[in-house]
Each structure stands twice: as C-alpha cells, then as structure tokens.
Amino acid sequence: MLQELGKHPSPSQIVLLRGGIFTRRRGNLELPSGARVSSRELGETLMKVAFLACESEGVLELQIRPQKALFGLRPVRALFAEPQRTPGPGLSQPWKPG
C-alpha cells in the first residue's frame, strides 16, 4: 500500500493507516489494518495533523489569541489559522484568501 502513497506518506496518511495508535476509543470505522476506531476521534486527529503539517510547510500560521465569547462578556482563547503569502509545496503562485 505504501507504493501507492509514494516514497514518503504525508502525516495525515500515516494517521489514517495507523489510526489505532492515534485514537483511544473503539468505534465502527474499520481501518485498512483491521483496527476499529471512533470515526469522530480519528477525524479530529486528522484535522489536527493537517493543520500542524500546513504550519510546518509554511502555508498557515497558527496563533492563539483572545476572542470575546458569551455575548462579549467573557474573553476566551481561540486558535486562528492565518494563510501565508508564500507558495506552498507544489504551488507556483502564493495562495491569496478570498
């Protein structure tokens, strides 16, 4: 199967192939390895890995900033993903939001 993925699988491909290691709960999703995992927990893990991989490639900058919550009465900390103007891997031009 790794031949199909190329020489170096992406971080999210590794998580998908070895999902039993990255999840705690069992569920109804069966992975190629035969392990049964929680689809929700695996999905959340895949999103985290994708964001971190994009940050390591310089495509996104992740920032924790205060944000108002509960009708602006209470500040909370929130994660913001800011796109960077540098080209990502395989892109010839910088990505421009909007």
PDB file of N, CA and C in Angstrom:
ATOM      1  N   MET A   1       0.812  -1.196   0.000  1.00  0.00           N
ATOM      2  CA  MET A   1       0.000   0.000   0.000  1.00  0.00           C
ATOM      3  C   MET A   1       0.855   1.259   0.000  1.00  0.00           C
ATOM      4  N   LEU A   2       2.035   1.228   0.636  1.00  0.00           N
ATOM      5  CA  LEU A   2       2.894   2.399   0.648  1.00  0.00           C
ATOM      6  C   LEU A   2       3.393   2.760  -0.734  1.00  0.00           C
ATOM      7  N   GLN A   3       3.464   1.796  -1.659  1.00  0.00           N
ATOM      8  CA  GLN A   3       3.865   2.112  -3.024  1.00  0.00           C
ATOM      9  C   GLN A   3       2.861   3.044  -3.666  1.00  0.00           C
ATOM     10  N   GLU A   4       1.570   2.881  -3.354  1.00  0.00           N
ATOM     11  CA  GLU A   4       0.534   3.751  -3.888  1.00  0.00           C
ATOM     12  C   GLU A   4       0.650   5.164  -3.330  1.00  0.00           C
ATOM     13  N   LEU A   5       1.138   5.306  -2.085  1.00  0.00           N
ATOM     14  CA  LEU A   5       1.227   6.603  -1.438  1.00  0.00           C
ATOM     15  C   LEU A   5       2.481   7.365  -1.828  1.00  0.00           C
ATOM     16  N   GLY A   6       3.431   6.712  -2.471  1.00  0.00           N
ATOM     17  CA  GLY A   6       4.696   7.351  -2.792  1.00  0.00           C
ATOM     18  C   GLY A   6       5.745   6.946  -1.772  1.00  0.00           C
ATOM     19  N   LYS A   7       6.931   7.499  -1.922  1.00  0.00           N
ATOM     20  CA  LYS A   7       8.024   7.142  -1.020  1.00  0.00           C
ATOM     21  C   LYS A   7       7.771   7.591   0.401  1.00  0.00           C
ATOM     22  N   HIS A   8       7.274   8.799   0.560  1.00  0.00           N
ATOM     23  CA  HIS A   8       7.071   9.362   1.890  1.00  0.00           C
ATOM     24  C   HIS A   8       5.598   9.711   2.078  1.00  0.00           C
ATOM     25  N   PRO A   9       4.869   8.931   2.840  1.00  0.00           N
ATOM     26  CA  PRO A   9       3.451   9.270   3.069  1.00  0.00           C
ATOM     27  C   PRO A   9       3.333  10.563   3.869  1.00  0.00           C
ATOM     28  N   SER A  10       2.257  11.278   3.632  1.00  0.00           N
ATOM     29  CA  SER A  10       2.010  12.521   4.359  1.00  0.00           C
ATOM     30  C   SER A  10       1.641  12.189   5.808  1.00  0.00           C
ATOM     31  N   PRO A  11       1.737  13.174   6.702  1.00  0.00           N
ATOM     32  CA  PRO A  11       1.358  12.921   8.096  1.00  0.00           C
ATOM     33  C   PRO A  11      -0.075  12.408   8.239  1.00  0.00           C
ATOM     34  N   SER A  12      -1.005  12.961   7.463  1.00  0.00           N
ATOM     35  CA  SER A  12      -2.390  12.502   7.584  1.00  0.00           C
ATOM     36  C   SER A  12      -2.563  11.082   7.049  1.00  0.00           C
ATOM     37  N   GLN A  13      -1.771  10.687   6.054  1.00  0.00           N
ATOM     38  CA  GLN A  13      -1.830   9.313   5.562  1.00  0.00           C
ATOM     39  C   GLN A  13      -1.317   8.340   6.618  1.00  0.00           C
ATOM     40  N   ILE A  14      -0.287   8.739   7.340  1.00  0.00           N
ATOM     41  CA  ILE A  14       0.241   7.889   8.415  1.00  0.00           C
ATOM     42  C   ILE A  14      -0.808   7.704   9.499  1.00  0.00           C
ATOM     43  N   VAL A  15      -1.480   8.797   9.868  1.00  0.00           N
ATOM     44  CA  VAL A  15      -2.523   8.707  10.904  1.00  0.00           C
ATOM     45  C   VAL A  15      -3.651   7.801  10.433  1.00  0.00           C
ATOM     46  N   LEU A  16      -4.041   7.920   9.181  1.00  0.00           N
ATOM     47  CA  LEU A  16      -5.124   7.095   8.662  1.00  0.00           C
ATOM     48  C   LEU A  16      -4.738   5.617   8.636  1.00  0.00           C
ATOM     49  N   LEU A  17      -3.517   5.328   8.202  1.00  0.00           N
ATOM     50  CA  LEU A  17      -3.076   3.929   8.130  1.00  0.00           C
ATOM     51  C   LEU A  17      -2.871   3.313   9.504  1.00  0.00           C
ATOM     52  N   ARG A  18      -2.430   4.111  10.465  1.00  0.00           N
ATOM     53  CA  ARG A  18      -2.123   3.603  11.807  1.00  0.00           C
ATOM     54  C   ARG A  18      -3.066   4.225  12.838  1.00  0.00           C
ATOM     55  N   GLY A  19      -4.307   4.412  12.481  1.00  0.00           N
ATOM     56  CA  GLY A  19      -5.284   5.098  13.317  1.00  0.00           C
ATOM     57  C   GLY A  19      -5.486   4.513  14.691  1.00  0.00           C
ATOM     58  N   GLY A  20      -5.260   3.225  14.853  1.00  0.00           N
ATOM     59  CA  GLY A  20      -5.413   2.598  16.162  1.00  0.00           C
ATOM     60  C   GLY A  20      -4.440   3.150  17.194  1.00  0.00           C
ATOM     61  N   ILE A  21      -3.294   3.636  16.732  1.00  0.00           N
ATOM     62  CA  ILE A  21      -2.297   4.203  17.634  1.00  0.00           C
ATOM     63  C   ILE A  21      -2.710   5.612  18.070  1.00  0.00           C
ATOM     64  N   PHE A  22      -3.383   6.351  17.188  1.00  0.00           N
ATOM     65  CA  PHE A  22      -3.690   7.759  17.419  1.00  0.00           C
ATOM     66  C   PHE A  22      -5.066   8.001  18.034  1.00  0.00           C
ATOM     67  N   THR A  23      -5.827   6.946  18.275  1.00  0.00           N
ATOM     68  CA  THR A  23      -7.143   7.092  18.882  1.00  0.00           C
ATOM     69  C   THR A  23      -7.230   6.225  20.123  1.00  0.00           C
ATOM     70  N   ARG A  24      -8.081   6.625  21.040  1.00  0.00           N
ATOM     71  CA  ARG A  24      -8.244   5.872  22.289  1.00  0.00           C
ATOM     72  C   ARG A  24      -9.508   5.012  22.265  1.00  0.00           C
ATOM     73  N   ARG A  25     -10.550   5.522  21.623  1.00  0.00           N
ATOM     74  CA  ARG A  25     -11.834   4.822  21.657  1.00  0.00           C
ATOM     75  C   ARG A  25     -12.008   3.902  20.459  1.00  0.00           C
ATOM     76  N   ARG A  26     -12.655   2.799  20.703  1.00  0.00           N
ATOM     77  CA  ARG A  26     -13.032   1.902  19.610  1.00  0.00           C
ATOM     78  C   ARG A  26     -14.346   2.392  19.029  1.00  0.00           C
ATOM     79  N   GLY A  27     -14.572   2.093  17.784  1.00  0.00           N
ATOM     80  CA  GLY A  27     -15.802   2.535  17.150  1.00  0.00           C
ATOM     81  C   GLY A  27     -16.177   1.654  15.984  1.00  0.00           C
ATOM     82  N   ASN A  28     -16.951   2.220  15.079  1.00  0.00           N
ATOM     83  CA  ASN A  28     -17.478   1.431  13.971  1.00  0.00           C
ATOM     84  C   ASN A  28     -16.706   1.626  12.665  1.00  0.00           C
ATOM     85  N   LEU A  29     -15.637   2.420  12.665  1.00  0.00           N
ATOM     86  CA  LEU A  29     -14.847   2.627  11.458  1.00  0.00           C
ATOM     87  C   LEU A  29     -13.714   1.615  11.423  1.00  0.00           C
ATOM     88  N   GLU A  30     -13.674   0.806  10.356  1.00  0.00           N
ATOM     89  CA  GLU A  30     -12.611  -0.193  10.224  1.00  0.00           C
ATOM     90  C   GLU A  30     -11.534   0.348   9.301  1.00  0.00           C
ATOM     91  N   LEU A  31     -10.300   0.345   9.784  1.00  0.00           N
ATOM     92  CA  LEU A  31      -9.154   0.845   9.030  1.00  0.00           C
ATOM     93  C   LEU A  31      -8.564  -0.264   8.181  1.00  0.00           C
ATOM     94  N   PRO A  32      -7.690   0.077   7.217  1.00  0.00           N
ATOM     95  CA  PRO A  32      -7.062  -0.960   6.392  1.00  0.00           C
ATOM     96  C   PRO A  32      -6.307  -2.008   7.216  1.00  0.00           C
ATOM     97  N   SER A  33      -5.827  -1.625   8.395  1.00  0.00           N
ATOM     98  CA  SER A  33      -5.113  -2.570   9.255  1.00  0.00           C
ATOM     99  C   SER A  33      -6.057  -3.545   9.951  1.00  0.00           C
ATOM    100  N   GLY A  34      -7.360  -3.282   9.885  1.00  0.00           N
ATOM    101  CA  GLY A  34      -8.338  -4.126  10.553  1.00  0.00           C
ATOM    102  C   GLY A  34      -8.777  -3.574  11.900  1.00  0.00           C
ATOM    103  N   ALA A  35      -8.091  -2.552  12.387  1.00  0.00           N
ATOM    104  CA  ALA A  35      -8.458  -1.937  13.670  1.00  0.00           C
ATOM    105  C   ALA A  35      -9.772  -1.186  13.516  1.00  0.00           C
ATOM    106  N   ARG A  36     -10.592  -1.213  14.554  1.00  0.00           N
ATOM    107  CA  ARG A  36     -11.859  -0.490  14.558  1.00  0.00           C
ATOM    108  C   ARG A  36     -11.704   0.684  15.512  1.00  0.00           C
ATOM    109  N   VAL A  37     -11.958   1.899  14.991  1.00  0.00           N
ATOM    110  CA  VAL A  37     -11.747   3.120  15.769  1.00  0.00           C
ATOM    111  C   VAL A  37     -12.969   4.021  15.676  1.00  0.00           C
ATOM    112  N   SER A  38     -13.017   4.996  16.553  1.00  0.00           N
ATOM    113  CA  SER A  38     -14.072   6.007  16.527  1.00  0.00           C
ATOM    114  C   SER A  38     -13.833   6.930  15.341  1.00  0.00           C
ATOM    115  N   SER A  39     -14.806   7.042  14.455  1.00  0.00           N
ATOM    116  CA  SER A  39     -14.646   7.902  13.283  1.00  0.00           C
ATOM    117  C   SER A  39     -14.516   9.370  13.689  1.00  0.00           C
ATOM    118  N   ARG A  40     -15.233   9.772  14.719  1.00  0.00           N
ATOM    119  CA  ARG A  40     -15.154  11.160  15.176  1.00  0.00           C
ATOM    120  C   ARG A  40     -13.758  11.478  15.728  1.00  0.00           C
ATOM    121  N   GLU A  41     -13.247  10.616  16.574  1.00  0.00           N
ATOM    122  CA  GLU A  41     -11.925  10.853  17.159  1.00  0.00           C
ATOM    123  C   GLU A  41     -10.836  10.818  16.086  1.00  0.00           C
ATOM    124  N   LEU A  42     -10.940   9.894  15.136  1.00  0.00           N
ATOM    125  CA  LEU A  42      -9.956   9.832  14.057  1.00  0.00           C
ATOM    126  C   LEU A  42     -10.045  11.081  13.183  1.00  0.00           C
ATOM    127  N   GLY A  43     -11.259  11.545  12.901  1.00  0.00           N
ATOM    128  CA  GLY A  43     -11.432  12.760  12.109  1.00  0.00           C
ATOM    129  C   GLY A  43     -10.827  13.979  12.785  1.00  0.00           C
ATOM    130  N   GLU A  44     -11.036  14.100  14.090  1.00  0.00           N
ATOM    131  CA  GLU A  44     -10.452  15.222  14.836  1.00  0.00           C
ATOM    132  C   GLU A  44      -8.924  15.153  14.812  1.00  0.00           C
ATOM    133  N   THR A  45      -8.385  13.967  14.951  1.00  0.00           N
ATOM    134  CA  THR A  45      -6.931  13.793  14.913  1.00  0.00           C
ATOM    135  C   THR A  45      -6.383  14.143  13.534  1.00  0.00           C
ATOM    136  N   LEU A  46      -7.085  13.720  12.476  1.00  0.00           N
ATOM    137  CA  LEU A  46      -6.650  14.049  11.120  1.00  0.00           C
ATOM    138  C   LEU A  46      -6.648  15.552  10.878  1.00  0.00           C
ATOM    139  N   MET A  47      -7.642  16.263  11.405  1.00  0.00           N
ATOM    140  CA  MET A  47      -7.686  17.722  11.248  1.00  0.00           C
ATOM    141  C   MET A  47      -6.506  18.375  11.977  1.00  0.00           C
ATOM    142  N   LYS A  48      -6.223  17.925  13.186  1.00  0.00           N
ATOM    143  CA  LYS A  48      -5.090  18.481  13.942  1.00  0.00           C
ATOM    144  C   LYS A  48      -3.788  18.268  13.183  1.00  0.00           C
ATOM    145  N   VAL A  49      -3.588  17.058  12.691  1.00  0.00           N
ATOM    146  CA  VAL A  49      -2.366  16.734  11.968  1.00  0.00           C
ATOM    147  C   VAL A  49      -2.258  17.565  10.691  1.00  0.00           C
ATOM    148  N   ALA A  50      -3.366  17.754   9.981  1.00  0.00           N
ATOM    149  CA  ALA A  50      -3.351  18.541   8.749  1.00  0.00           C
ATOM    150  C   ALA A  50      -2.977  19.994   9.031  1.00  0.00           C
ATOM    151  N   PHE A  51      -3.549  20.591  10.086  1.00  0.00           N
ATOM    152  CA  PHE A  51      -3.206  21.968  10.438  1.00  0.00           C
ATOM    153  C   PHE A  51      -1.731  22.085  10.806  1.00  0.00           C
ATOM    154  N   LEU A  52      -1.227  21.147  11.612  1.00  0.00           N
ATOM    155  CA  LEU A  52       0.182  21.197  12.012  1.00  0.00           C
ATOM    156  C   LEU A  52       1.113  20.978  10.821  1.00  0.00           C
ATOM    157  N   ALA A  53       0.731  20.111   9.892  1.00  0.00           N
ATOM    158  CA  ALA A  53       1.543  19.884   8.701  1.00  0.00           C
ATOM    159  C   ALA A  53       1.569  21.139   7.826  1.00  0.00           C
ATOM    160  N   CYS A  54       0.426  21.806   7.688  1.00  0.00           N
ATOM    161  CA  CYS A  54       0.377  23.051   6.907  1.00  0.00           C
ATOM    162  C   CYS A  54       1.238  24.131   7.552  1.00  0.00           C
ATOM    163  N   GLU A  55       1.231  24.190   8.877  1.00  0.00           N
ATOM    164  CA  GLU A  55       2.072  25.177   9.556  1.00  0.00           C
ATOM    165  C   GLU A  55       3.555  24.856   9.355  1.00  0.00           C
ATOM    166  N   SER A  56       3.915  23.583   9.435  1.00  0.00           N
ATOM    167  CA  SER A  56       5.327  23.223   9.277  1.00  0.00           C
ATOM    168  C   SER A  56       5.815  23.484   7.855  1.00  0.00           C
ATOM    169  N   GLU A  57       4.908  23.458   6.875  1.00  0.00           N
ATOM    170  CA  GLU A  57       5.265  23.748   5.481  1.00  0.00           C
ATOM    171  C   GLU A  57       5.235  25.247   5.182  1.00  0.00           C
ATOM    172  N   GLY A  58       4.781  26.053   6.134  1.00  0.00           N
ATOM    173  CA  GLY A  58       4.735  27.495   5.934  1.00  0.00           C
ATOM    174  C   GLY A  58       3.505  27.983   5.191  1.00  0.00           C
ATOM    175  N   VAL A  59       2.509  27.140   5.043  1.00  0.00           N
ATOM    176  CA  VAL A  59       1.281  27.518   4.333  1.00  0.00           C
ATOM    177  C   VAL A  59       0.342  28.283   5.263  1.00  0.00           C
ATOM    178  N   LEU A  60       0.326  27.910   6.543  1.00  0.00           N
ATOM    179  CA  LEU A  60      -0.514  28.565   7.547  1.00  0.00           C
ATOM    180  C   LEU A  60       0.343  28.997   8.725  1.00  0.00           C
ATOM    181  N   GLU A  61      -0.125  30.028   9.414  1.00  0.00           N
ATOM    182  CA  GLU A  61       0.459  30.381  10.699  1.00  0.00           C
ATOM    183  C   GLU A  61      -0.636  30.209  11.739  1.00  0.00           C
ATOM    184  N   LEU A  62      -0.380  29.377  12.724  1.00  0.00           N
ATOM    185  CA  LEU A  62      -1.354  29.133  13.783  1.00  0.00           C
ATOM    186  C   LEU A  62      -1.057  30.073  14.942  1.00  0.00           C
ATOM    187  N   GLN A  63      -2.112  30.740  15.442  1.00  0.00           N
ATOM    188  CA  GLN A  63      -1.969  31.679  16.554  1.00  0.00           C
ATOM    189  C   GLN A  63      -3.088  31.448  17.554  1.00  0.00           C
ATOM    190  N   ILE A  64      -2.736  31.528  18.836  1.00  0.00           N
ATOM    191  CA  ILE A  64      -3.750  31.505  19.891  1.00  0.00           C
ATOM    192  C   ILE A  64      -3.932  32.944  20.340  1.00  0.00           C
ATOM    193  N   ARG A  65      -5.172  33.436  20.181  1.00  0.00           N
ATOM    194  CA  ARG A  65      -5.468  34.829  20.521  1.00  0.00           C
ATOM    195  C   ARG A  65      -6.744  34.879  21.350  1.00  0.00           C
ATOM    196  N   PRO A  66      -6.903  35.964  22.128  1.00  0.00           N
ATOM    197  CA  PRO A  66      -8.160  36.122  22.867  1.00  0.00           C
ATOM    198  C   PRO A  66      -9.310  36.463  21.910  1.00  0.00           C
ATOM    199  N   GLN A  67     -10.476  35.996  22.267  1.00  0.00           N
ATOM    200  CA  GLN A  67     -11.682  36.279  21.483  1.00  0.00           C
ATOM    201  C   GLN A  67     -12.835  36.420  22.471  1.00  0.00           C
ATOM    202  N   LYS A  68     -13.741  37.340  22.190  1.00  0.00           N
ATOM    203  CA  LYS A  68     -14.877  37.528  23.091  1.00  0.00           C
ATOM    204  C   LYS A  68     -15.894  36.411  22.878  1.00  0.00           C
ATOM    205  N   ALA A  69     -16.449  35.951  23.989  1.00  0.00           N
ATOM    206  CA  ALA A  69     -17.462  34.893  23.944  1.00  0.00           C
ATOM    207  C   ALA A  69     -18.610  35.278  24.864  1.00  0.00           C
ATOM    208  N   LEU A  70     -19.675  34.538  24.783  1.00  0.00           N
ATOM    209  CA  LEU A  70     -20.839  34.750  25.627  1.00  0.00           C
ATOM    210  C   LEU A  70     -21.313  36.200  25.534  1.00  0.00           C
ATOM    211  N   PHE A  71     -21.669  36.616  24.324  1.00  0.00           N
ATOM    212  CA  PHE A  71     -22.174  37.971  24.049  1.00  0.00           C
ATOM    213  C   PHE A  71     -21.149  39.042  24.393  1.00  0.00           C
ATOM    214  N   GLY A  72     -19.871  38.716  24.278  1.00  0.00           N
ATOM    215  CA  GLY A  72     -18.813  39.677  24.532  1.00  0.00           C
ATOM    216  C   GLY A  72     -18.524  39.923  25.994  1.00  0.00           C
ATOM    217  N   LEU A  73     -19.100  39.151  26.885  1.00  0.00           N
ATOM    218  CA  LEU A  73     -18.922  39.378  28.316  1.00  0.00           C
ATOM    219  C   LEU A  73     -17.669  38.717  28.878  1.00  0.00           C
ATOM    220  N   ARG A  74     -17.155  37.742  28.167  1.00  0.00           N
ATOM    221  CA  ARG A  74     -16.046  36.971  28.723  1.00  0.00           C
ATOM    222  C   ARG A  74     -15.058  36.642  27.614  1.00  0.00           C
ATOM    223  N   PRO A  75     -13.763  36.913  27.823  1.00  0.00           N
ATOM    224  CA  PRO A  75     -12.781  36.539  26.799  1.00  0.00           C
ATOM    225  C   PRO A  75     -12.391  35.060  26.921  1.00  0.00           C
ATOM    226  N   VAL A  76     -12.159  34.439  25.794  1.00  0.00           N
ATOM    227  CA  VAL A  76     -11.674  33.059  25.748  1.00  0.00           C
ATOM    228  C   VAL A  76     -10.485  33.022  24.797  1.00  0.00           C
ATOM    229  N   ARG A  77      -9.701  31.971  24.904  1.00  0.00           N
ATOM    230  CA  ARG A  77      -8.588  31.788  23.977  1.00  0.00           C
ATOM    231  C   ARG A  77      -9.070  30.949  22.800  1.00  0.00           C
ATOM    232  N   ALA A  78      -8.720  31.377  21.593  1.00  0.00           N
ATOM    233  CA  ALA A  78      -9.147  30.666  20.388  1.00  0.00           C
ATOM    234  C   ALA A  78      -7.958  30.490  19.453  1.00  0.00           C
ATOM    235  N   LEU A  79      -8.008  29.442  18.654  1.00  0.00           N
ATOM    236  CA  LEU A  79      -6.961  29.166  17.678  1.00  0.00           C
ATOM    237  C   LEU A  79      -7.354  29.787  16.342  1.00  0.00           C
ATOM    238  N   PHE A  80      -6.447  30.572  15.770  1.00  0.00           N
ATOM    239  CA  PHE A  80      -6.664  31.195  14.471  1.00  0.00           C
ATOM    240  C   PHE A  80      -5.631  30.653  13.491  1.00  0.00           C
ATOM    241  N   ALA A  81      -6.054  30.369  12.272  1.00  0.00           N
ATOM    242  CA  ALA A  81      -5.160  29.911  11.210  1.00  0.00           C
ATOM    243  C   ALA A  81      -5.084  31.020  10.167  1.00  0.00           C
ATOM    244  N   GLU A  82      -3.927  31.648  10.070  1.00  0.00           N
ATOM    245  CA  GLU A  82      -3.722  32.739   9.120  1.00  0.00           C
ATOM    246  C   GLU A  82      -2.970  32.210   7.902  1.00  0.00           C
ATOM    247  N   PRO A  83      -3.557  32.321   6.693  1.00  0.00           N
ATOM    248  CA  PRO A  83      -2.836  31.866   5.498  1.00  0.00           C
ATOM    249  C   PRO A  83      -1.599  32.741   5.260  1.00  0.00           C
ATOM    250  N   GLN A  84      -0.549  32.115   4.797  1.00  0.00           N
ATOM    251  CA  GLN A  84       0.688  32.836   4.494  1.00  0.00           C
ATOM    252  C   GLN A  84       0.758  33.110   3.007  1.00  0.00           C
ATOM    253  N   ARG A  85       1.446  34.137   2.647  1.00  0.00           N
ATOM    254  CA  ARG A  85       1.528  34.530   1.238  1.00  0.00           C
ATOM    255  C   ARG A  85       2.673  33.851   0.494  1.00  0.00           C
ATOM    256  N   THR A  86       3.317  32.880   1.120  1.00  0.00           N
ATOM    257  CA  THR A  86       4.380  32.140   0.443  1.00  0.00           C
ATOM    258  C   THR A  86       3.776  30.953  -0.282  1.00  0.00           C
ATOM    259  N   PRO A  87       4.342  30.565  -1.419  1.00  0.00           N
ATOM    260  CA  PRO A  87       3.794  29.399  -2.124  1.00  0.00           C
ATOM    261  C   PRO A  87       3.965  28.136  -1.299  1.00  0.00           C
ATOM    262  N   GLY A  88       2.952  27.304  -1.313  1.00  0.00           N
ATOM    263  CA  GLY A  88       3.032  26.018  -0.639  1.00  0.00           C
ATOM    264  C   GLY A  88       3.693  24.996  -1.536  1.00  0.00           C
ATOM    265  N   PRO A  89       3.905  23.790  -1.041  1.00  0.00           N
ATOM    266  CA  PRO A  89       4.533  22.752  -1.861  1.00  0.00           C
ATOM    267  C   PRO A  89       3.686  22.447  -3.090  1.00  0.00           C
ATOM    268  N   GLY A  90       4.310  22.447  -4.242  1.00  0.00           N
ATOM    269  CA  GLY A  90       3.606  22.133  -5.479  1.00  0.00           C
ATOM    270  C   GLY A  90       2.811  23.288  -6.061  1.00  0.00           C
ATOM    271  N   LEU A  91       2.873  24.470  -5.441  1.00  0.00           N
ATOM    272  CA  LEU A  91       2.137  25.633  -5.946  1.00  0.00           C
ATOM    273  C   LEU A  91       3.104  26.600  -6.612  1.00  0.00           C
ATOM    274  N   SER A  92       2.720  27.130  -7.756  1.00  0.00           N
ATOM    275  CA  SER A  92       3.603  28.061  -8.453  1.00  0.00           C
ATOM    276  C   SER A  92       3.385  29.496  -7.996  1.00  0.00           C
ATOM    277  N   GLN A  93       2.208  29.813  -7.457  1.00  0.00           N
ATOM    278  CA  GLN A  93       1.904  31.166  -7.017  1.00  0.00           C
ATOM    279  C   GLN A  93       1.433  31.128  -5.564  1.00  0.00           C
ATOM    280  N   PRO A  94       1.668  32.222  -4.828  1.00  0.00           N
ATOM    281  CA  PRO A  94       1.162  32.268  -3.455  1.00  0.00           C
ATOM    282  C   PRO A  94      -0.357  32.177  -3.432  1.00  0.00           C
ATOM    283  N   TRP A  95      -0.871  31.540  -2.395  1.00  0.00           N
ATOM    284  CA  TRP A  95      -2.325  31.465  -2.205  1.00  0.00           C
ATOM    285  C   TRP A  95      -2.818  32.788  -1.680  1.00  0.00           C
ATOM    286  N   LYS A  96      -3.922  33.286  -2.234  1.00  0.00           N
ATOM    287  CA  LYS A  96      -4.490  34.554  -1.779  1.00  0.00           C
ATOM    288  C   LYS A  96      -5.889  34.297  -1.259  1.00  0.00           C
ATOM    289  N   PRO A  97      -6.174  34.689  -0.016  1.00  0.00           N
ATOM    290  CA  PRO A  97      -7.500  34.460   0.542  1.00  0.00           C
ATOM    291  C   PRO A  97      -8.554  35.292  -0.165  1.00  0.00           C
ATOM    292  N   GLY A  98      -9.778  34.747  -0.165  1.00  0.00           N
ATOM    293  CA  GLY A  98     -10.953  35.482  -0.575  1.00  0.00           C
ATOM    294  C   GLY A  98     -11.156  35.685  -1.987  1.00  0.00           C
TER     295      GLY A  98
END
